[in-house]
Protein backbone atom coordinates (compact mmCIF):
# COMPACT_ATOMS: atom_id res chain seq x y z
CA MET A 1 84.53 116.52 119.43
CA LEU A 2 80.77 115.31 118.90
CA ASN A 3 81.70 115.71 114.97
CA GLU A 4 84.46 112.63 115.26
CA VAL A 5 81.94 110.59 117.91
CA TYR A 6 79.06 110.75 115.63
CA ASN A 7 82.09 110.72 112.23
CA ARG A 8 82.87 107.26 114.07
CA ARG A 9 79.38 105.77 114.45
CA ILE A 10 78.62 106.45 111.63
CA ILE A 11 81.77 104.59 110.65
CA GLU A 12 80.73 101.55 113.55
CA LEU A 13 76.93 101.77 111.17
CA ALA A 14 78.43 101.14 107.93
CA GLY A 15 80.54 98.02 108.95
CA ASN A 16 77.58 96.21 110.12
CA ILE A 17 76.44 97.10 106.34
CA PRO A 18 76.76 93.18 104.67
CA ARG A 19 78.71 93.43 101.89
CA LEU A 20 77.61 91.88 98.33
CA GLY A 21 81.04 91.49 96.62
CA ARG A 22 82.76 93.15 94.33
CA LEU A 23 81.22 93.77 90.39
CA ALA A 24 81.98 91.05 87.96
CA GLN A 25 83.36 94.26 85.73
CA PRO A 26 83.35 97.11 86.91
CA ASP A 27 83.48 100.17 85.42
CA ALA A 28 85.99 102.30 88.04
CA THR A 29 87.51 102.58 90.96
CA ALA A 30 85.90 104.19 93.63
CA THR A 31 88.55 106.14 96.16
CA ASP A 32 88.11 108.03 99.65
CA PRO A 33 89.50 111.07 99.36
CA ARG A 34 91.34 111.19 102.71
CA ASP A 35 93.28 108.17 101.33
CA ALA A 36 94.78 110.43 98.67
CA GLY A 37 93.57 108.64 96.40
CA GLU A 38 94.31 105.31 97.61
CA PRO A 39 91.44 102.91 96.49
CA ARG A 40 89.56 101.15 99.87
CA PRO A 41 90.23 97.11 99.97
CA ASP A 42 86.37 96.10 99.65
CA ASP A 43 87.64 93.09 101.56
CA SER A 44 88.72 94.71 104.39
CA ALA A 45 87.42 94.37 107.84
CA PRO A 46 84.85 96.91 109.33
CA GLU A 47 87.21 96.66 112.45
CA LEU A 48 89.75 98.10 110.80
CA GLN A 49 87.87 100.92 108.82
CA VAL A 50 87.38 102.58 111.84
CA ALA A 51 90.63 101.36 113.32
CA ARG A 52 92.21 103.66 111.13
CA TYR A 53 89.70 106.63 110.53
CA ASP A 54 89.98 106.61 114.59
CA LEU A 55 94.71 106.71 114.14
CA LYS A 56 93.62 109.18 111.24
CA LEU A 57 91.88 111.43 113.80
CA ALA A 58 94.09 111.48 116.81
CA LEU A 59 97.47 111.93 113.73
CA SER A 60 95.16 115.23 112.79
CA ALA A 61 95.01 116.15 116.75
CA THR A 62 98.64 115.92 116.54
CA ALA A 63 99.43 118.10 113.95
CA ASP A 64 99.28 121.19 115.65
CA GLY A 65 101.66 119.97 118.71
CA THR A 66 104.24 120.68 120.60
CA ARG A 67 107.76 118.72 119.00
CA GLU A 68 107.41 116.88 121.82
CA GLU A 69 104.30 115.61 121.38
CA GLN A 70 104.95 114.64 118.06
CA LEU A 71 108.00 113.02 118.21
CA ARG A 72 106.07 110.82 121.27
CA VAL A 73 102.91 109.93 118.32
CA ALA A 74 106.27 108.94 116.03
CA GLU A 75 107.90 106.96 118.62
CA ILE A 76 104.12 104.96 119.16
CA LEU A 77 103.38 104.90 115.26
CA ARG A 78 106.99 103.33 114.67
CA THR A 79 106.52 100.46 117.79
CA ALA A 80 103.32 100.17 116.16
CA ALA A 81 104.30 99.66 112.42
CA ALA A 82 106.87 96.59 114.25
CA ASP A 83 104.75 95.50 116.29
CA ILE A 84 102.24 94.71 112.83
CA ARG A 85 104.80 92.92 111.18
CA GLY A 86 106.00 90.81 113.36
CA LYS A 87 109.11 92.46 114.77
């Protein structure tokens, strides 16, 4: 629990670091191991990054939950995805 609080605070602080932009000709692309190799967009809002991180923590906490809890979380995610898509 304490790690989650510290991790969230670190992400919030990192989100406030000014971005200098992309390199004109990068040698490689950075990835976050939590994204299973998906590149993290440099131009995403820090608030979105923090929200994604919070969601990942919440999902990992429910992975060992009861079937009912997992079904409840699945319904929340379906509703949120539809809301994000504007449906």
